[in-house]
Every structure is written in C-alpha cells, then in structure tokens.
Amino acid sequence: MAGATKTVAILYDESEDSIVSCGVSGPSNFTSVPEEVAVQNILKALEMAGISSNPVRHFYFGLAGVGDSQKDTETGKRICSRVSGGRPFIVENDGSAAYFLANMSSDGFVFAGGTGSVCFVQKDGELKRLAGWGGWLCGDEASGYWFGLRALNLATREADGIMESRDFVRLVEGHYGLPLRDAISEAQRNFSKRRIAALAPGPCGHRQDGGEQGG
C-alpha cells in the first residue's frame, strides 16, 4: 500500500495462509512526491519486510494515484515494473486494495481518509469509486488536506473579525511558526499538500461559539 503519508509492504505466504512480515517507509504517492522518491520508499518497505531475501513469485500493489488519470496509471505501472524486478504484478488504486482487505468479495464500502481521500462502494457485486480525484483542486472531501485547507481559510476569517474565536489563527501560526499573513504566504509560495494536511489533527475539534470546525 503506497500513500502520501507512508508505504506499507506485507510478505504473505499463500501455502501457509499467513502474514510472514511487514515493512514501513515514507511516502510513495507519486502525485505528491517525485517518482524516484516513490520508487526508493517502496523498495525500502519491501526490504524491511524481507521480500528481497524471499522467493516472491508475484506482487500486488495498491498505489495512490493509480486510476486518477491515464497518465497517472501509466506512471504507477512503470514504478511497479521497476520495483518488481521483472516478476508478475497487479496494480490498483490503494483505495481498491483497502476495500478488498476489509470486505473481500462482499458488498460494502471503505473510505480512506488520509492526506487525500477516496471511497469505494460495492453493491450487487459492482464496485464503484467515489471522490478521490487526486491533486489539490477538488474531490478530496474529508481528507487531511481538506480539513487543513479549511483551517487555513477559517484562520483568515478569524483574523478579519468575521469569527470571534482565535483558535485557528493560533493553530496555523503554531504550525508554521510564523505570523498568520506570513504563514499563509508560506503555504502558497511553497505548496505542500502533506504540510497542509498536517493541520488536520489540530486542537480545534470542540468549539463553543457555533463556528465551523476545521481540523
């Protein structure tokens, strides 16, 4: 499973029907990190799981970004081809992989709300993808980035006096270590979806003034 926050590799023994080991490394969503970084983090996770020292016959990859567009899918396949060492592989969106891990072939749904978000729903055996349009522009509801972006916007409303609280101003200034205007400028000038998403766990979940919640 390769996402914008981390990469997880699992070595599975089909003959024993059991998980042998797992490895964790940094982000490998190729839409948010350079392709070479994605490749290296996938390889690191595989190495940590001991896959390089085991006779692995085939790979199953769940990559964020696959299915977002034809170009992104081709990039995902290229990355998988590089790390699989010529061995057979299947590659799907990480949300699709999460669906089958949670539901197998049964009807149901899974919502993956990390740095980005995606939802997969299966009804009467037909699997459908909802949201998860990738990038930063749209279709990323309830993701860490979506909450972080709302926190930035609500901080500006507080600073303008439209909202009475200063919770979001303090959150954003503390996160960036800068006064609010400088923090907003930094967020725009050096855009990082992961850094904005990191605002989501901020301590502004409980509000008493009737204002909107952000992260």
N, C-alpha and C. Protein backbone atom coordinates (compact mmCIF):
# COMPACT_ATOMS: atom_id res chain seq x y z
N MET A 1 0.86 -1.19 0.00
CA MET A 1 0.00 0.00 0.00
C MET A 1 0.89 1.23 0.00
N ALA A 2 0.73 2.07 -1.00
CA ALA A 2 1.61 3.23 -1.16
C ALA A 2 0.78 4.50 -1.14
N GLY A 3 0.95 5.32 -0.11
CA GLY A 3 0.17 6.53 0.02
C GLY A 3 1.03 7.77 0.16
N ALA A 4 0.38 8.90 0.45
CA ALA A 4 1.08 10.17 0.55
C ALA A 4 1.75 10.36 1.91
N THR A 5 1.41 9.51 2.88
CA THR A 5 1.99 9.62 4.21
C THR A 5 3.02 8.53 4.47
N LYS A 6 2.70 7.32 4.07
CA LYS A 6 3.63 6.21 4.31
C LYS A 6 3.40 5.09 3.30
N THR A 7 4.33 4.13 3.31
CA THR A 7 4.25 2.95 2.46
C THR A 7 4.35 1.71 3.34
N VAL A 8 3.46 0.76 3.13
CA VAL A 8 3.45 -0.47 3.91
C VAL A 8 3.58 -1.66 2.97
N ALA A 9 4.53 -2.55 3.25
CA ALA A 9 4.71 -3.77 2.46
C ALA A 9 4.46 -4.97 3.36
N ILE A 10 3.74 -5.95 2.85
CA ILE A 10 3.42 -7.17 3.60
C ILE A 10 3.86 -8.38 2.78
N LEU A 11 4.60 -9.27 3.43
CA LEU A 11 5.00 -10.53 2.81
C LEU A 11 4.02 -11.60 3.26
N TYR A 12 3.33 -12.21 2.29
CA TYR A 12 2.27 -13.17 2.59
C TYR A 12 2.63 -14.54 2.02
N ASP A 13 2.49 -15.56 2.84
CA ASP A 13 2.79 -16.94 2.43
C ASP A 13 1.48 -17.63 2.07
N GLU A 14 1.25 -17.85 0.78
CA GLU A 14 0.00 -18.47 0.34
C GLU A 14 -0.12 -19.91 0.83
N SER A 15 0.98 -20.63 0.85
CA SER A 15 0.93 -22.04 1.26
C SER A 15 0.53 -22.18 2.73
N GLU A 16 0.93 -21.23 3.56
CA GLU A 16 0.60 -21.26 4.99
C GLU A 16 -0.60 -20.38 5.33
N ASP A 17 -1.08 -19.61 4.34
CA ASP A 17 -2.18 -18.68 4.55
C ASP A 17 -1.90 -17.78 5.75
N SER A 18 -0.73 -17.15 5.73
CA SER A 18 -0.34 -16.33 6.88
C SER A 18 0.58 -15.19 6.44
N ILE A 19 0.57 -14.11 7.25
CA ILE A 19 1.48 -12.99 7.03
C ILE A 19 2.83 -13.32 7.65
N VAL A 20 3.87 -13.19 6.86
CA VAL A 20 5.22 -13.51 7.32
C VAL A 20 5.87 -12.31 8.00
N SER A 21 5.77 -11.16 7.37
CA SER A 21 6.42 -9.96 7.90
C SER A 21 5.85 -8.73 7.21
N CYS A 22 6.23 -7.55 7.72
CA CYS A 22 5.81 -6.31 7.09
C CYS A 22 6.91 -5.26 7.24
N GLY A 23 6.86 -4.25 6.40
CA GLY A 23 7.82 -3.16 6.44
C GLY A 23 7.12 -1.84 6.18
N VAL A 24 7.63 -0.77 6.79
CA VAL A 24 7.03 0.55 6.66
C VAL A 24 8.10 1.57 6.30
N SER A 25 7.78 2.45 5.37
CA SER A 25 8.72 3.51 4.98
C SER A 25 7.93 4.79 4.71
N GLY A 26 8.59 5.77 4.11
CA GLY A 26 7.99 7.07 3.85
C GLY A 26 7.01 7.08 2.70
N PRO A 27 6.56 8.27 2.29
CA PRO A 27 5.52 8.40 1.27
C PRO A 27 5.96 7.92 -0.12
N SER A 28 5.00 7.36 -0.86
CA SER A 28 5.31 6.95 -2.23
C SER A 28 4.15 7.23 -3.18
N ASN A 29 3.32 8.19 -2.81
CA ASN A 29 2.29 8.66 -3.74
C ASN A 29 2.98 9.54 -4.77
N PHE A 30 3.11 9.04 -5.98
CA PHE A 30 3.91 9.72 -7.00
C PHE A 30 3.27 11.01 -7.48
N THR A 31 2.04 11.29 -7.05
CA THR A 31 1.43 12.58 -7.39
C THR A 31 1.83 13.67 -6.40
N SER A 32 2.44 13.28 -5.28
CA SER A 32 2.84 14.27 -4.29
C SER A 32 4.33 14.23 -3.96
N VAL A 33 5.04 13.19 -4.39
CA VAL A 33 6.50 13.13 -4.24
C VAL A 33 7.09 12.74 -5.58
N PRO A 34 8.36 13.08 -5.84
CA PRO A 34 8.98 12.69 -7.12
C PRO A 34 8.96 11.18 -7.32
N GLU A 35 8.89 10.77 -8.57
CA GLU A 35 8.82 9.34 -8.89
C GLU A 35 9.97 8.57 -8.26
N GLU A 36 11.18 9.14 -8.29
CA GLU A 36 12.34 8.43 -7.74
C GLU A 36 12.20 8.22 -6.23
N VAL A 37 11.62 9.21 -5.56
CA VAL A 37 11.37 9.07 -4.11
C VAL A 37 10.36 7.95 -3.87
N ALA A 38 9.32 7.91 -4.69
CA ALA A 38 8.31 6.85 -4.56
C ALA A 38 8.95 5.48 -4.73
N VAL A 39 9.79 5.33 -5.75
CA VAL A 39 10.46 4.05 -6.01
C VAL A 39 11.32 3.65 -4.82
N GLN A 40 12.12 4.59 -4.32
CA GLN A 40 13.02 4.27 -3.22
C GLN A 40 12.27 3.91 -1.94
N ASN A 41 11.16 4.58 -1.67
CA ASN A 41 10.40 4.26 -0.46
C ASN A 41 9.68 2.91 -0.58
N ILE A 42 9.23 2.58 -1.77
CA ILE A 42 8.63 1.25 -1.96
C ILE A 42 9.69 0.17 -1.78
N LEU A 43 10.86 0.39 -2.38
CA LEU A 43 11.95 -0.59 -2.23
C LEU A 43 12.37 -0.74 -0.78
N LYS A 44 12.39 0.38 -0.04
CA LYS A 44 12.76 0.33 1.37
C LYS A 44 11.75 -0.48 2.18
N ALA A 45 10.45 -0.27 1.91
CA ALA A 45 9.42 -1.02 2.61
C ALA A 45 9.52 -2.51 2.28
N LEU A 46 9.78 -2.83 1.03
CA LEU A 46 9.95 -4.23 0.62
C LEU A 46 11.14 -4.86 1.32
N GLU A 47 12.23 -4.10 1.40
CA GLU A 47 13.44 -4.61 2.07
C GLU A 47 13.18 -4.84 3.55
N MET A 48 12.48 -3.91 4.19
CA MET A 48 12.17 -4.06 5.61
C MET A 48 11.27 -5.26 5.87
N ALA A 49 10.44 -5.60 4.90
CA ALA A 49 9.57 -6.77 5.03
C ALA A 49 10.29 -8.07 4.70
N GLY A 50 11.56 -7.95 4.27
CA GLY A 50 12.34 -9.14 3.95
C GLY A 50 12.01 -9.76 2.62
N ILE A 51 11.33 -8.99 1.76
CA ILE A 51 10.89 -9.53 0.48
C ILE A 51 12.08 -9.80 -0.44
N SER A 52 13.13 -8.97 -0.32
CA SER A 52 14.29 -9.16 -1.19
C SER A 52 15.01 -10.48 -0.93
N SER A 53 14.85 -11.03 0.26
CA SER A 53 15.54 -12.28 0.61
C SER A 53 14.62 -13.50 0.56
N ASN A 54 13.40 -13.32 0.04
CA ASN A 54 12.45 -14.43 -0.07
C ASN A 54 12.06 -14.64 -1.53
N PRO A 55 11.75 -15.88 -1.88
CA PRO A 55 11.39 -16.19 -3.28
C PRO A 55 9.97 -15.75 -3.61
N VAL A 56 9.76 -14.44 -3.71
CA VAL A 56 8.43 -13.91 -4.01
C VAL A 56 8.08 -14.19 -5.47
N ARG A 57 6.90 -14.77 -5.69
CA ARG A 57 6.50 -15.13 -7.05
C ARG A 57 5.76 -14.00 -7.76
N HIS A 58 4.96 -13.24 -7.02
CA HIS A 58 4.23 -12.16 -7.66
C HIS A 58 3.90 -11.08 -6.63
N PHE A 59 3.56 -9.89 -7.14
CA PHE A 59 3.30 -8.73 -6.31
C PHE A 59 1.88 -8.22 -6.54
N TYR A 60 1.31 -7.67 -5.50
CA TYR A 60 0.06 -6.93 -5.61
C TYR A 60 0.32 -5.55 -5.03
N PHE A 61 0.18 -4.51 -5.85
CA PHE A 61 0.45 -3.14 -5.44
C PHE A 61 -0.86 -2.36 -5.33
N GLY A 62 -1.01 -1.62 -4.25
CA GLY A 62 -2.09 -0.65 -4.10
C GLY A 62 -1.46 0.73 -4.03
N LEU A 63 -1.50 1.47 -5.13
CA LEU A 63 -0.82 2.76 -5.23
C LEU A 63 -1.80 3.91 -5.32
N ALA A 64 -1.66 4.88 -4.41
CA ALA A 64 -2.41 6.13 -4.55
C ALA A 64 -2.02 6.78 -5.87
N GLY A 65 -2.99 7.30 -6.58
CA GLY A 65 -2.72 7.93 -7.87
C GLY A 65 -3.14 7.07 -9.05
N VAL A 66 -3.03 5.75 -8.91
CA VAL A 66 -3.45 4.86 -9.99
C VAL A 66 -4.96 4.99 -10.19
N GLY A 67 -5.37 5.22 -11.42
CA GLY A 67 -6.78 5.42 -11.72
C GLY A 67 -7.20 6.87 -11.71
N ASP A 68 -6.32 7.77 -11.24
CA ASP A 68 -6.67 9.20 -11.23
C ASP A 68 -6.74 9.75 -12.65
N SER A 69 -5.89 9.25 -13.52
CA SER A 69 -5.89 9.63 -14.93
C SER A 69 -5.10 8.57 -15.68
N GLN A 70 -5.19 8.61 -17.01
CA GLN A 70 -4.43 7.64 -17.81
C GLN A 70 -2.93 7.81 -17.59
N LYS A 71 -2.48 9.06 -17.51
CA LYS A 71 -1.06 9.33 -17.31
C LYS A 71 -0.60 8.83 -15.94
N ASP A 72 -1.41 9.07 -14.91
CA ASP A 72 -1.05 8.62 -13.57
C ASP A 72 -1.01 7.10 -13.49
N THR A 73 -1.95 6.44 -14.16
CA THR A 73 -1.97 4.98 -14.16
C THR A 73 -0.72 4.42 -14.84
N GLU A 74 -0.32 5.04 -15.94
CA GLU A 74 0.89 4.61 -16.64
C GLU A 74 2.13 4.81 -15.75
N THR A 75 2.16 5.92 -15.02
CA THR A 75 3.28 6.16 -14.10
C THR A 75 3.32 5.10 -13.02
N GLY A 76 2.16 4.77 -12.46
CA GLY A 76 2.09 3.74 -11.42
C GLY A 76 2.57 2.40 -11.93
N LYS A 77 2.17 2.03 -13.14
CA LYS A 77 2.61 0.76 -13.72
C LYS A 77 4.12 0.76 -13.94
N ARG A 78 4.67 1.89 -14.36
CA ARG A 78 6.11 1.99 -14.58
C ARG A 78 6.88 1.80 -13.26
N ILE A 79 6.38 2.43 -12.20
CA ILE A 79 7.01 2.30 -10.90
C ILE A 79 6.98 0.84 -10.44
N CYS A 80 5.83 0.20 -10.58
CA CYS A 80 5.70 -1.20 -10.16
C CYS A 80 6.62 -2.12 -10.96
N SER A 81 6.75 -1.82 -12.24
CA SER A 81 7.64 -2.61 -13.08
C SER A 81 9.09 -2.48 -12.61
N ARG A 82 9.46 -1.28 -12.17
CA ARG A 82 10.83 -1.06 -11.69
C ARG A 82 11.12 -1.82 -10.41
N VAL A 83 10.16 -1.84 -9.49
CA VAL A 83 10.43 -2.43 -8.17
C VAL A 83 10.15 -3.92 -8.12
N SER A 84 9.42 -4.45 -9.10
CA SER A 84 9.07 -5.88 -9.07
C SER A 84 10.18 -6.77 -9.62
N GLY A 85 11.17 -6.17 -10.25
CA GLY A 85 12.29 -6.96 -10.76
C GLY A 85 11.91 -7.96 -11.83
N GLY A 86 10.93 -7.60 -12.66
CA GLY A 86 10.53 -8.48 -13.76
C GLY A 86 9.53 -9.55 -13.37
N ARG A 87 9.18 -9.63 -12.09
CA ARG A 87 8.19 -10.62 -11.66
C ARG A 87 6.77 -10.11 -11.90
N PRO A 88 5.79 -11.01 -12.08
CA PRO A 88 4.42 -10.59 -12.38
C PRO A 88 3.85 -9.72 -11.26
N PHE A 89 3.01 -8.76 -11.63
CA PHE A 89 2.39 -7.92 -10.61
C PHE A 89 1.02 -7.45 -11.07
N ILE A 90 0.20 -7.10 -10.10
CA ILE A 90 -1.09 -6.45 -10.32
C ILE A 90 -1.02 -5.12 -9.59
N VAL A 91 -1.50 -4.05 -10.21
CA VAL A 91 -1.50 -2.75 -9.56
C VAL A 91 -2.89 -2.13 -9.65
N GLU A 92 -3.38 -1.65 -8.51
CA GLU A 92 -4.67 -0.98 -8.44
C GLU A 92 -4.54 0.23 -7.52
N ASN A 93 -5.57 1.04 -7.47
CA ASN A 93 -5.60 2.16 -6.55
C ASN A 93 -5.56 1.64 -5.11
N ASP A 94 -4.91 2.38 -4.22
CA ASP A 94 -4.80 1.90 -2.84
C ASP A 94 -6.16 1.80 -2.15
N GLY A 95 -7.13 2.62 -2.58
CA GLY A 95 -8.47 2.51 -2.02
C GLY A 95 -9.15 1.21 -2.41
N SER A 96 -8.91 0.75 -3.63
CA SER A 96 -9.45 -0.52 -4.08
C SER A 96 -8.84 -1.67 -3.29
N ALA A 97 -7.53 -1.58 -3.06
CA ALA A 97 -6.85 -2.61 -2.26
C ALA A 97 -7.42 -2.63 -0.84
N ALA A 98 -7.64 -1.44 -0.27
CA ALA A 98 -8.20 -1.36 1.08
C ALA A 98 -9.60 -1.96 1.12
N TYR A 99 -10.38 -1.76 0.05
CA TYR A 99 -11.74 -2.31 0.02
C TYR A 99 -11.70 -3.84 0.15
N PHE A 100 -10.86 -4.47 -0.64
CA PHE A 100 -10.84 -5.93 -0.62
C PHE A 100 -10.23 -6.48 0.66
N LEU A 101 -9.31 -5.73 1.26
CA LEU A 101 -8.78 -6.16 2.56
C LEU A 101 -9.88 -6.13 3.62
N ALA A 102 -10.79 -5.15 3.51
CA ALA A 102 -11.85 -5.01 4.50
C ALA A 102 -13.07 -5.89 4.22
N ASN A 103 -13.41 -6.06 2.94
CA ASN A 103 -14.67 -6.71 2.59
C ASN A 103 -14.54 -7.97 1.75
N MET A 104 -13.34 -8.25 1.27
CA MET A 104 -13.14 -9.36 0.33
C MET A 104 -14.08 -9.17 -0.85
N SER A 105 -14.92 -10.15 -1.18
CA SER A 105 -15.80 -10.02 -2.35
C SER A 105 -17.21 -9.61 -1.98
N SER A 106 -17.47 -9.34 -0.69
CA SER A 106 -18.81 -8.99 -0.25
C SER A 106 -19.13 -7.52 -0.57
N ASP A 107 -20.42 -7.21 -0.68
CA ASP A 107 -20.85 -5.83 -0.83
C ASP A 107 -20.50 -5.05 0.43
N GLY A 108 -20.21 -3.78 0.26
CA GLY A 108 -19.86 -2.93 1.39
C GLY A 108 -19.20 -1.66 0.90
N PHE A 109 -18.45 -1.01 1.78
CA PHE A 109 -17.75 0.20 1.37
C PHE A 109 -16.52 0.39 2.25
N VAL A 110 -15.62 1.21 1.74
CA VAL A 110 -14.47 1.63 2.54
C VAL A 110 -14.16 3.08 2.19
N PHE A 111 -13.91 3.88 3.20
CA PHE A 111 -13.49 5.26 2.99
C PHE A 111 -12.08 5.41 3.52
N ALA A 112 -11.17 5.83 2.66
CA ALA A 112 -9.78 6.03 3.06
C ALA A 112 -9.53 7.52 3.14
N GLY A 113 -9.42 8.04 4.36
CA GLY A 113 -9.23 9.47 4.55
C GLY A 113 -7.86 9.77 5.14
N GLY A 114 -6.85 9.79 4.30
CA GLY A 114 -5.50 10.12 4.74
C GLY A 114 -5.16 11.54 4.33
N THR A 115 -3.96 11.75 3.79
CA THR A 115 -3.60 13.06 3.26
C THR A 115 -4.62 13.47 2.18
N GLY A 116 -4.94 12.51 1.32
CA GLY A 116 -6.05 12.66 0.37
C GLY A 116 -7.15 11.69 0.77
N SER A 117 -8.22 11.60 -0.02
CA SER A 117 -9.32 10.70 0.34
C SER A 117 -9.85 10.00 -0.91
N VAL A 118 -10.44 8.84 -0.67
CA VAL A 118 -11.10 8.10 -1.74
C VAL A 118 -12.08 7.13 -1.08
N CYS A 119 -13.17 6.83 -1.77
CA CYS A 119 -14.17 5.90 -1.25
C CYS A 119 -14.50 4.88 -2.32
N PHE A 120 -14.61 3.61 -1.91
CA PHE A 120 -15.04 2.55 -2.82
C PHE A 120 -16.28 1.90 -2.23
N VAL A 121 -17.32 1.74 -3.08
CA VAL A 121 -18.58 1.15 -2.66
C VAL A 121 -18.93 0.01 -3.61
N GLN A 122 -19.31 -1.13 -3.05
CA GLN A 122 -19.75 -2.24 -3.88
C GLN A 122 -21.19 -2.60 -3.53
N LYS A 123 -22.06 -2.64 -4.55
CA LYS A 123 -23.45 -3.03 -4.38
C LYS A 123 -23.82 -4.00 -5.48
N ASP A 124 -24.42 -5.12 -5.11
CA ASP A 124 -24.79 -6.17 -6.06
C ASP A 124 -23.59 -6.61 -6.90
N GLY A 125 -22.43 -6.64 -6.25
CA GLY A 125 -21.23 -7.13 -6.91
C GLY A 125 -20.52 -6.13 -7.79
N GLU A 126 -21.06 -4.91 -7.90
CA GLU A 126 -20.44 -3.89 -8.76
C GLU A 126 -19.69 -2.88 -7.89
N LEU A 127 -18.39 -2.79 -8.11
CA LEU A 127 -17.54 -1.90 -7.34
C LEU A 127 -17.45 -0.55 -8.03
N LYS A 128 -17.67 0.53 -7.26
CA LYS A 128 -17.64 1.89 -7.81
C LYS A 128 -16.75 2.76 -6.97
N ARG A 129 -15.97 3.59 -7.63
CA ARG A 129 -15.11 4.55 -6.95
C ARG A 129 -15.81 5.89 -6.84
N LEU A 130 -15.75 6.49 -5.63
CA LEU A 130 -16.31 7.80 -5.40
C LEU A 130 -15.23 8.74 -4.90
N ALA A 131 -15.29 9.99 -5.34
CA ALA A 131 -14.32 11.02 -4.93
C ALA A 131 -12.91 10.55 -5.28
N GLY A 132 -11.92 11.00 -4.50
CA GLY A 132 -10.54 10.60 -4.79
C GLY A 132 -10.08 11.05 -6.16
N TRP A 133 -10.32 12.31 -6.49
CA TRP A 133 -9.93 12.81 -7.80
C TRP A 133 -8.46 13.21 -7.87
N GLY A 134 -7.78 13.13 -6.74
CA GLY A 134 -6.35 13.39 -6.73
C GLY A 134 -6.03 14.87 -6.73
N GLY A 135 -4.75 15.17 -6.53
CA GLY A 135 -4.30 16.55 -6.58
C GLY A 135 -4.84 17.37 -5.41
N TRP A 136 -5.02 18.68 -5.64
CA TRP A 136 -5.43 19.57 -4.57
C TRP A 136 -6.67 20.37 -4.93
N LEU A 137 -7.16 20.22 -6.17
CA LEU A 137 -8.17 21.14 -6.67
C LEU A 137 -9.59 20.80 -6.21
N CYS A 138 -9.97 19.53 -6.29
CA CYS A 138 -11.36 19.17 -5.98
C CYS A 138 -11.46 17.67 -5.69
N GLY A 139 -12.65 17.27 -5.18
CA GLY A 139 -12.92 15.85 -4.98
C GLY A 139 -12.09 15.19 -3.91
N ASP A 140 -11.69 15.95 -2.89
CA ASP A 140 -10.82 15.41 -1.85
C ASP A 140 -11.49 15.52 -0.48
N GLU A 141 -12.83 15.46 -0.45
CA GLU A 141 -13.58 15.71 0.77
C GLU A 141 -13.16 14.81 1.92
N ALA A 142 -13.13 15.43 3.12
CA ALA A 142 -12.86 14.73 4.39
C ALA A 142 -11.46 14.14 4.48
N SER A 143 -10.57 14.58 3.62
CA SER A 143 -9.17 14.16 3.74
C SER A 143 -8.45 15.09 4.72
N GLY A 144 -7.25 14.70 5.12
CA GLY A 144 -6.44 15.58 5.96
C GLY A 144 -6.19 16.91 5.28
N TYR A 145 -5.92 16.89 3.97
CA TYR A 145 -5.70 18.13 3.23
C TYR A 145 -6.95 19.00 3.22
N TRP A 146 -8.11 18.39 3.03
CA TRP A 146 -9.37 19.12 3.00
C TRP A 146 -9.61 19.83 4.33
N PHE A 147 -9.37 19.13 5.45
CA PHE A 147 -9.53 19.75 6.76
C PHE A 147 -8.47 20.84 6.99
N GLY A 148 -7.24 20.58 6.57
CA GLY A 148 -6.18 21.56 6.74
C GLY A 148 -6.45 22.83 5.97
N LEU A 149 -6.95 22.68 4.73
CA LEU A 149 -7.27 23.85 3.91
C LEU A 149 -8.39 24.67 4.54
N ARG A 150 -9.39 24.00 5.12
CA ARG A 150 -10.46 24.71 5.81
C ARG A 150 -9.92 25.45 7.03
N ALA A 151 -8.96 24.84 7.71
CA ALA A 151 -8.37 25.52 8.87
C ALA A 151 -7.68 26.80 8.44
N LEU A 152 -6.98 26.79 7.32
CA LEU A 152 -6.33 28.00 6.80
C LEU A 152 -7.37 29.08 6.49
N ASN A 153 -8.44 28.67 5.83
CA ASN A 153 -9.48 29.63 5.47
C ASN A 153 -10.18 30.20 6.70
N LEU A 154 -10.46 29.36 7.68
CA LEU A 154 -11.13 29.83 8.89
C LEU A 154 -10.22 30.74 9.71
N ALA A 155 -8.91 30.49 9.65
CA ALA A 155 -7.96 31.38 10.34
C ALA A 155 -8.03 32.79 9.76
N THR A 156 -8.16 32.89 8.43
CA THR A 156 -8.25 34.22 7.82
C THR A 156 -9.56 34.91 8.21
N ARG A 157 -10.63 34.13 8.37
CA ARG A 157 -11.92 34.72 8.78
C ARG A 157 -11.83 35.22 10.23
N GLU A 158 -11.13 34.48 11.06
CA GLU A 158 -10.93 34.94 12.43
C GLU A 158 -10.11 36.22 12.46
N ALA A 159 -9.04 36.26 11.67
CA ALA A 159 -8.18 37.44 11.63
C ALA A 159 -8.92 38.66 11.11
N ASP A 160 -9.88 38.46 10.21
CA ASP A 160 -10.67 39.57 9.66
C ASP A 160 -11.82 39.98 10.58
N GLY A 161 -12.00 39.25 11.68
CA GLY A 161 -13.06 39.59 12.61
C GLY A 161 -14.42 39.04 12.25
N ILE A 162 -14.50 38.20 11.23
CA ILE A 162 -15.77 37.59 10.84
C ILE A 162 -16.19 36.53 11.86
N MET A 163 -15.21 35.87 12.46
CA MET A 163 -15.44 34.92 13.53
C MET A 163 -14.75 35.43 14.80
N GLU A 164 -15.38 35.19 15.94
CA GLU A 164 -14.88 35.76 17.18
C GLU A 164 -13.66 35.02 17.74
N SER A 165 -13.60 33.71 17.56
CA SER A 165 -12.51 32.93 18.14
C SER A 165 -11.18 33.23 17.45
N ARG A 166 -10.09 32.83 18.12
CA ARG A 166 -8.75 32.92 17.52
C ARG A 166 -8.11 31.53 17.47
N ASP A 167 -8.92 30.48 17.61
CA ASP A 167 -8.39 29.12 17.66
C ASP A 167 -7.59 28.76 16.41
N PHE A 168 -8.14 29.07 15.25
CA PHE A 168 -7.49 28.67 14.01
C PHE A 168 -6.27 29.54 13.71
N VAL A 169 -6.32 30.80 14.10
CA VAL A 169 -5.14 31.65 13.96
C VAL A 169 -3.98 31.06 14.75
N ARG A 170 -4.25 30.68 16.00
CA ARG A 170 -3.19 30.09 16.84
C ARG A 170 -2.71 28.77 16.25
N LEU A 171 -3.64 27.98 15.74
CA LEU A 171 -3.27 26.69 15.15
C LEU A 171 -2.32 26.88 13.98
N VAL A 172 -2.69 27.76 13.04
CA VAL A 172 -1.89 27.98 11.82
C VAL A 172 -0.55 28.62 12.16
N GLU A 173 -0.56 29.61 13.03
CA GLU A 173 0.70 30.28 13.40
C GLU A 173 1.64 29.31 14.12
N GLY A 174 1.09 28.46 14.97
CA GLY A 174 1.93 27.48 15.65
C GLY A 174 2.48 26.43 14.71
N HIS A 175 1.66 26.04 13.74
CA HIS A 175 2.07 25.01 12.78
C HIS A 175 3.22 25.48 11.90
N TYR A 176 3.13 26.73 11.43
CA TYR A 176 4.15 27.26 10.53
C TYR A 176 5.25 28.04 11.26
N GLY A 177 5.00 28.35 12.53
CA GLY A 177 5.98 29.13 13.27
C GLY A 177 6.14 30.54 12.74
N LEU A 178 5.05 31.09 12.21
CA LEU A 178 5.08 32.41 11.60
C LEU A 178 3.79 33.16 11.93
N PRO A 179 3.80 34.50 11.89
CA PRO A 179 2.55 35.25 11.98
C PRO A 179 1.63 34.83 10.83
N LEU A 180 0.32 35.01 11.02
CA LEU A 180 -0.65 34.45 10.09
C LEU A 180 -0.41 34.84 8.64
N ARG A 181 -0.23 36.13 8.37
CA ARG A 181 -0.04 36.54 6.96
C ARG A 181 1.19 35.87 6.35
N ASP A 182 2.25 35.77 7.13
CA ASP A 182 3.47 35.11 6.64
C ASP A 182 3.23 33.61 6.47
N ALA A 183 2.43 33.04 7.37
CA ALA A 183 2.13 31.60 7.27
C ALA A 183 1.32 31.30 6.02
N ILE A 184 0.30 32.14 5.72
CA ILE A 184 -0.49 31.95 4.51
C ILE A 184 0.38 32.12 3.27
N SER A 185 1.27 33.10 3.29
CA SER A 185 2.19 33.31 2.17
C SER A 185 3.10 32.11 1.98
N GLU A 186 3.59 31.56 3.08
CA GLU A 186 4.46 30.37 3.01
C GLU A 186 3.70 29.18 2.44
N ALA A 187 2.44 29.00 2.86
CA ALA A 187 1.63 27.88 2.38
C ALA A 187 1.40 27.98 0.87
N GLN A 188 1.27 29.20 0.37
CA GLN A 188 1.05 29.39 -1.07
C GLN A 188 2.34 29.31 -1.86
N ARG A 189 3.41 29.91 -1.33
CA ARG A 189 4.66 30.00 -2.08
C ARG A 189 5.36 28.64 -2.15
N ASN A 190 5.36 27.92 -1.05
CA ASN A 190 6.00 26.60 -1.01
C ASN A 190 4.92 25.55 -0.74
N PHE A 191 4.05 25.37 -1.72
CA PHE A 191 2.89 24.50 -1.54
C PHE A 191 3.30 23.06 -1.23
N SER A 192 2.72 22.52 -0.17
CA SER A 192 2.93 21.12 0.21
C SER A 192 1.61 20.58 0.71
N LYS A 193 1.02 19.65 -0.03
CA LYS A 193 -0.25 19.06 0.38
C LYS A 193 -0.12 18.35 1.72
N ARG A 194 1.00 17.68 1.93
CA ARG A 194 1.22 16.97 3.20
C ARG A 194 1.31 17.95 4.37
N ARG A 195 1.98 19.08 4.16
CA ARG A 195 2.14 20.02 5.26
C ARG A 195 0.80 20.66 5.65
N ILE A 196 -0.02 20.96 4.65
CA ILE A 196 -1.35 21.48 4.94
C ILE A 196 -2.21 20.42 5.62
N ALA A 197 -2.09 19.18 5.16
CA ALA A 197 -2.85 18.08 5.77
C ALA A 197 -2.47 17.87 7.23
N ALA A 198 -1.22 18.20 7.57
CA ALA A 198 -0.76 18.01 8.94
C ALA A 198 -1.47 18.94 9.93
N LEU A 199 -2.21 19.93 9.43
CA LEU A 199 -3.03 20.78 10.29
C LEU A 199 -4.26 20.04 10.82
N ALA A 200 -4.67 18.97 10.14
CA ALA A 200 -5.94 18.30 10.45
C ALA A 200 -6.06 17.81 11.88
N PRO A 201 -5.03 17.25 12.50
CA PRO A 201 -5.19 16.77 13.88
C PRO A 201 -5.13 17.87 14.92
N GLY A 202 -5.17 19.14 14.51
CA GLY A 202 -5.02 20.27 15.42
C GLY A 202 -6.09 20.32 16.50
N PRO A 203 -5.81 21.03 17.58
CA PRO A 203 -6.68 21.04 18.76
C PRO A 203 -7.86 21.99 18.65
N CYS A 204 -8.58 21.92 17.52
CA CYS A 204 -9.72 22.83 17.33
C CYS A 204 -11.00 22.05 17.07
N GLY A 205 -11.08 20.84 17.58
CA GLY A 205 -12.24 20.00 17.30
C GLY A 205 -13.48 20.38 18.07
N HIS A 206 -13.35 21.05 19.22
CA HIS A 206 -14.51 21.38 20.03
C HIS A 206 -14.64 22.89 20.16
N ARG A 207 -15.70 23.41 19.58
CA ARG A 207 -15.91 24.85 19.58
C ARG A 207 -17.19 25.17 20.34
N GLN A 208 -17.16 26.26 21.05
CA GLN A 208 -18.32 26.66 21.86
C GLN A 208 -19.07 27.84 21.27
N ASP A 209 -18.55 28.43 20.18
CA ASP A 209 -19.16 29.65 19.67
C ASP A 209 -20.06 29.41 18.46
N GLY A 210 -20.29 28.14 18.12
CA GLY A 210 -21.16 27.84 17.00
C GLY A 210 -20.48 27.94 15.67
N GLY A 211 -19.16 28.20 15.65
CA GLY A 211 -18.43 28.32 14.40
C GLY A 211 -18.17 26.97 13.78
N GLU A 212 -17.67 26.97 12.55
CA GLU A 212 -17.38 25.74 11.85
C GLU A 212 -16.14 25.09 12.42
N GLN A 213 -16.06 23.78 12.27
CA GLN A 213 -14.88 23.04 12.69
C GLN A 213 -13.93 22.90 11.51
N GLY A 214 -12.66 22.84 11.84
CA GLY A 214 -11.68 22.75 10.76
C GLY A 214 -10.86 21.51 10.81
N GLY A 215 -10.11 21.21 11.82
CA GLY A 215 -9.23 20.06 11.76
C GLY A 215 -9.15 19.37 13.05
